[in-house]
Amino acid sequence: MYQEIKINITLPEQTVNLIEQMSDKGNISRFVEDAVKYYIEHAGKTRLYEQLKQGAVKRAERDLKLSQEWNSLDFQA
């Protein structure tokens, strides 16, 4: 079980109005909780994808050289 902690946040009035319209029966806390969880999950996946992409680009030259070396060994055998 988890403990709920009350926090105060400041948002533009237009944002609060949108949250009130979108939240079920005015349950703003639940809406914000779901939105934060969704954002964290999505941002985490996006960040991981970018890290994998950057790693692949960083290692591409090395991997190409290795591939070419292995291909030349295949032709020699």
N, C-alpha and C. Protein backbone atom coordinates (compact mmCIF):
# COMPACT_ATOMS: atom_id res chain seq x y z
N MET A 1 0.85 -1.18 0.00
CA MET A 1 0.00 0.00 0.00
C MET A 1 0.88 1.23 0.00
N TYR A 2 0.39 2.28 -0.54
CA TYR A 2 1.17 3.51 -0.63
C TYR A 2 0.52 4.61 0.17
N GLN A 3 1.33 5.58 0.50
CA GLN A 3 0.86 6.73 1.27
C GLN A 3 0.64 7.89 0.30
N GLU A 4 -0.47 8.54 0.44
CA GLU A 4 -0.75 9.71 -0.39
C GLU A 4 -0.15 10.94 0.27
N ILE A 5 0.42 11.79 -0.56
CA ILE A 5 1.03 13.03 -0.08
C ILE A 5 0.37 14.19 -0.83
N LYS A 6 -0.03 15.17 -0.09
CA LYS A 6 -0.68 16.33 -0.69
C LYS A 6 0.39 17.33 -1.13
N ILE A 7 0.25 17.81 -2.38
CA ILE A 7 1.17 18.81 -2.90
C ILE A 7 0.37 19.97 -3.47
N ASN A 8 1.01 21.08 -3.60
CA ASN A 8 0.41 22.25 -4.24
C ASN A 8 1.16 22.53 -5.53
N ILE A 9 0.42 22.73 -6.60
CA ILE A 9 1.04 23.08 -7.88
C ILE A 9 0.32 24.30 -8.45
N THR A 10 1.01 25.01 -9.30
CA THR A 10 0.43 26.18 -9.94
C THR A 10 0.37 25.91 -11.43
N LEU A 11 -0.83 26.04 -11.99
CA LEU A 11 -1.04 25.81 -13.41
C LEU A 11 -1.83 26.98 -13.99
N PRO A 12 -1.69 27.21 -15.28
CA PRO A 12 -2.51 28.24 -15.91
C PRO A 12 -4.00 27.87 -15.82
N GLU A 13 -4.83 28.86 -15.73
CA GLU A 13 -6.27 28.64 -15.58
C GLU A 13 -6.82 27.77 -16.71
N GLN A 14 -6.36 28.02 -17.92
CA GLN A 14 -6.84 27.23 -19.07
C GLN A 14 -6.50 25.74 -18.89
N THR A 15 -5.33 25.46 -18.36
CA THR A 15 -4.94 24.06 -18.12
C THR A 15 -5.83 23.43 -17.07
N VAL A 16 -6.10 24.15 -16.01
CA VAL A 16 -6.98 23.64 -14.95
C VAL A 16 -8.38 23.38 -15.51
N ASN A 17 -8.87 24.27 -16.34
CA ASN A 17 -10.19 24.07 -16.95
C ASN A 17 -10.22 22.81 -17.80
N LEU A 18 -9.17 22.58 -18.57
CA LEU A 18 -9.09 21.37 -19.39
C LEU A 18 -9.05 20.12 -18.52
N ILE A 19 -8.28 20.16 -17.45
CA ILE A 19 -8.20 19.02 -16.53
C ILE A 19 -9.57 18.74 -15.92
N GLU A 20 -10.25 19.78 -15.49
CA GLU A 20 -11.58 19.60 -14.90
C GLU A 20 -12.56 18.99 -15.91
N GLN A 21 -12.45 19.39 -17.16
CA GLN A 21 -13.34 18.84 -18.20
C GLN A 21 -13.02 17.37 -18.49
N MET A 22 -11.76 17.03 -18.45
CA MET A 22 -11.34 15.68 -18.83
C MET A 22 -11.38 14.67 -17.68
N SER A 23 -11.33 15.14 -16.46
CA SER A 23 -11.28 14.22 -15.32
C SER A 23 -12.67 13.65 -15.02
N ASP A 24 -12.68 12.39 -14.60
CA ASP A 24 -13.93 11.72 -14.26
C ASP A 24 -14.50 12.29 -12.97
N LYS A 25 -15.70 12.82 -13.06
CA LYS A 25 -16.43 13.34 -11.90
C LYS A 25 -15.59 14.29 -11.06
N GLY A 26 -14.75 15.08 -11.72
CA GLY A 26 -13.96 16.07 -11.01
C GLY A 26 -12.83 15.51 -10.18
N ASN A 27 -12.45 14.25 -10.40
CA ASN A 27 -11.36 13.63 -9.64
C ASN A 27 -10.03 14.06 -10.25
N ILE A 28 -9.63 15.26 -9.95
CA ILE A 28 -8.43 15.85 -10.53
C ILE A 28 -7.18 15.11 -10.07
N SER A 29 -7.12 14.71 -8.83
CA SER A 29 -5.94 14.00 -8.33
C SER A 29 -5.68 12.73 -9.13
N ARG A 30 -6.72 11.97 -9.40
CA ARG A 30 -6.56 10.74 -10.17
C ARG A 30 -6.13 11.05 -11.60
N PHE A 31 -6.71 12.09 -12.18
CA PHE A 31 -6.35 12.48 -13.54
C PHE A 31 -4.87 12.86 -13.61
N VAL A 32 -4.41 13.66 -12.67
CA VAL A 32 -3.02 14.09 -12.65
C VAL A 32 -2.10 12.88 -12.43
N GLU A 33 -2.49 11.99 -11.54
CA GLU A 33 -1.69 10.78 -11.29
C GLU A 33 -1.55 9.96 -12.57
N ASP A 34 -2.66 9.72 -13.25
CA ASP A 34 -2.62 8.95 -14.50
C ASP A 34 -1.79 9.66 -15.56
N ALA A 35 -1.94 10.97 -15.66
CA ALA A 35 -1.19 11.74 -16.66
C ALA A 35 0.31 11.68 -16.39
N VAL A 36 0.69 11.80 -15.14
CA VAL A 36 2.11 11.75 -14.78
C VAL A 36 2.69 10.37 -15.07
N LYS A 37 1.96 9.32 -14.71
CA LYS A 37 2.43 7.96 -14.99
C LYS A 37 2.58 7.73 -16.49
N TYR A 38 1.60 8.18 -17.25
CA TYR A 38 1.66 8.03 -18.71
C TYR A 38 2.86 8.78 -19.27
N TYR A 39 3.07 9.99 -18.81
CA TYR A 39 4.19 10.80 -19.30
C TYR A 39 5.52 10.13 -18.98
N ILE A 40 5.67 9.66 -17.77
CA ILE A 40 6.92 9.02 -17.36
C ILE A 40 7.18 7.77 -18.20
N GLU A 41 6.16 6.97 -18.41
CA GLU A 41 6.31 5.77 -19.22
C GLU A 41 6.69 6.13 -20.66
N HIS A 42 5.99 7.09 -21.23
CA HIS A 42 6.25 7.49 -22.60
C HIS A 42 7.63 8.15 -22.73
N ALA A 43 7.95 9.04 -21.83
CA ALA A 43 9.23 9.73 -21.87
C ALA A 43 10.37 8.74 -21.67
N GLY A 44 10.17 7.77 -20.81
CA GLY A 44 11.20 6.74 -20.58
C GLY A 44 11.46 5.93 -21.83
N LYS A 45 10.41 5.54 -22.53
CA LYS A 45 10.57 4.78 -23.77
C LYS A 45 11.26 5.63 -24.83
N THR A 46 10.86 6.88 -24.92
CA THR A 46 11.47 7.78 -25.90
C THR A 46 12.94 7.98 -25.60
N ARG A 47 13.26 8.18 -24.34
CA ARG A 47 14.66 8.38 -23.93
C ARG A 47 15.48 7.13 -24.23
N LEU A 48 14.94 5.95 -23.93
CA LEU A 48 15.64 4.70 -24.21
C LEU A 48 15.87 4.55 -25.70
N TYR A 49 14.85 4.82 -26.52
CA TYR A 49 14.99 4.74 -27.97
C TYR A 49 16.10 5.66 -28.47
N GLU A 50 16.13 6.89 -27.96
CA GLU A 50 17.16 7.84 -28.38
C GLU A 50 18.55 7.37 -27.96
N GLN A 51 18.67 6.80 -26.77
CA GLN A 51 19.97 6.30 -26.32
C GLN A 51 20.43 5.13 -27.19
N LEU A 52 19.51 4.23 -27.52
CA LEU A 52 19.85 3.11 -28.40
C LEU A 52 20.26 3.61 -29.78
N LYS A 53 19.53 4.57 -30.29
CA LYS A 53 19.82 5.14 -31.60
C LYS A 53 21.19 5.80 -31.60
N GLN A 54 21.49 6.59 -30.59
CA GLN A 54 22.78 7.25 -30.51
C GLN A 54 23.91 6.24 -30.39
N GLY A 55 23.68 5.18 -29.63
CA GLY A 55 24.70 4.13 -29.48
C GLY A 55 24.95 3.42 -30.80
N ALA A 56 23.89 3.15 -31.55
CA ALA A 56 24.03 2.49 -32.83
C ALA A 56 24.80 3.37 -33.80
N VAL A 57 24.49 4.64 -33.83
CA VAL A 57 25.20 5.57 -34.72
C VAL A 57 26.67 5.66 -34.31
N LYS A 58 26.90 5.72 -33.02
CA LYS A 58 28.27 5.84 -32.50
C LYS A 58 29.11 4.62 -32.88
N ARG A 59 28.49 3.43 -32.87
CA ARG A 59 29.23 2.20 -33.15
C ARG A 59 29.13 1.75 -34.60
N ALA A 60 28.46 2.49 -35.44
CA ALA A 60 28.22 2.07 -36.83
C ALA A 60 29.51 1.87 -37.60
N GLU A 61 30.44 2.78 -37.49
CA GLU A 61 31.71 2.66 -38.24
C GLU A 61 32.47 1.42 -37.79
N ARG A 62 32.56 1.21 -36.49
CA ARG A 62 33.25 0.04 -35.96
C ARG A 62 32.58 -1.23 -36.44
N ASP A 63 31.25 -1.27 -36.38
CA ASP A 63 30.52 -2.46 -36.80
C ASP A 63 30.69 -2.74 -38.29
N LEU A 64 30.73 -1.69 -39.09
CA LEU A 64 30.93 -1.86 -40.53
C LEU A 64 32.31 -2.45 -40.81
N LYS A 65 33.32 -1.96 -40.12
CA LYS A 65 34.68 -2.50 -40.29
C LYS A 65 34.73 -3.98 -39.91
N LEU A 66 34.11 -4.32 -38.79
CA LEU A 66 34.08 -5.72 -38.36
C LEU A 66 33.38 -6.60 -39.39
N SER A 67 32.30 -6.12 -39.90
CA SER A 67 31.55 -6.86 -40.91
C SER A 67 32.38 -7.08 -42.16
N GLN A 68 33.07 -6.04 -42.58
CA GLN A 68 33.92 -6.15 -43.77
C GLN A 68 35.07 -7.13 -43.53
N GLU A 69 35.64 -7.12 -42.33
CA GLU A 69 36.71 -8.07 -41.99
C GLU A 69 36.19 -9.50 -42.05
N TRP A 70 35.02 -9.73 -41.49
CA TRP A 70 34.45 -11.08 -41.49
C TRP A 70 34.11 -11.52 -42.92
N ASN A 71 33.59 -10.62 -43.72
CA ASN A 71 33.27 -10.95 -45.11
C ASN A 71 34.53 -11.34 -45.87
N SER A 72 35.64 -10.61 -45.64
CA SER A 72 36.88 -10.95 -46.35
C SER A 72 37.39 -12.31 -45.89
N LEU A 73 37.18 -12.68 -44.63
CA LEU A 73 37.57 -14.01 -44.15
C LEU A 73 36.74 -15.10 -44.81
N ASP A 74 35.46 -14.83 -45.03
CA ASP A 74 34.60 -15.80 -45.69
C ASP A 74 35.09 -16.08 -47.10
N PHE A 75 35.52 -15.04 -47.80
CA PHE A 75 35.98 -15.21 -49.18
C PHE A 75 37.31 -15.96 -49.22
N GLN A 76 38.12 -15.80 -48.18
CA GLN A 76 39.42 -16.47 -48.13
C GLN A 76 39.26 -17.97 -47.84
N ALA A 77 38.22 -18.33 -47.13
CA ALA A 77 38.02 -19.72 -46.74
C ALA A 77 37.45 -20.53 -47.83
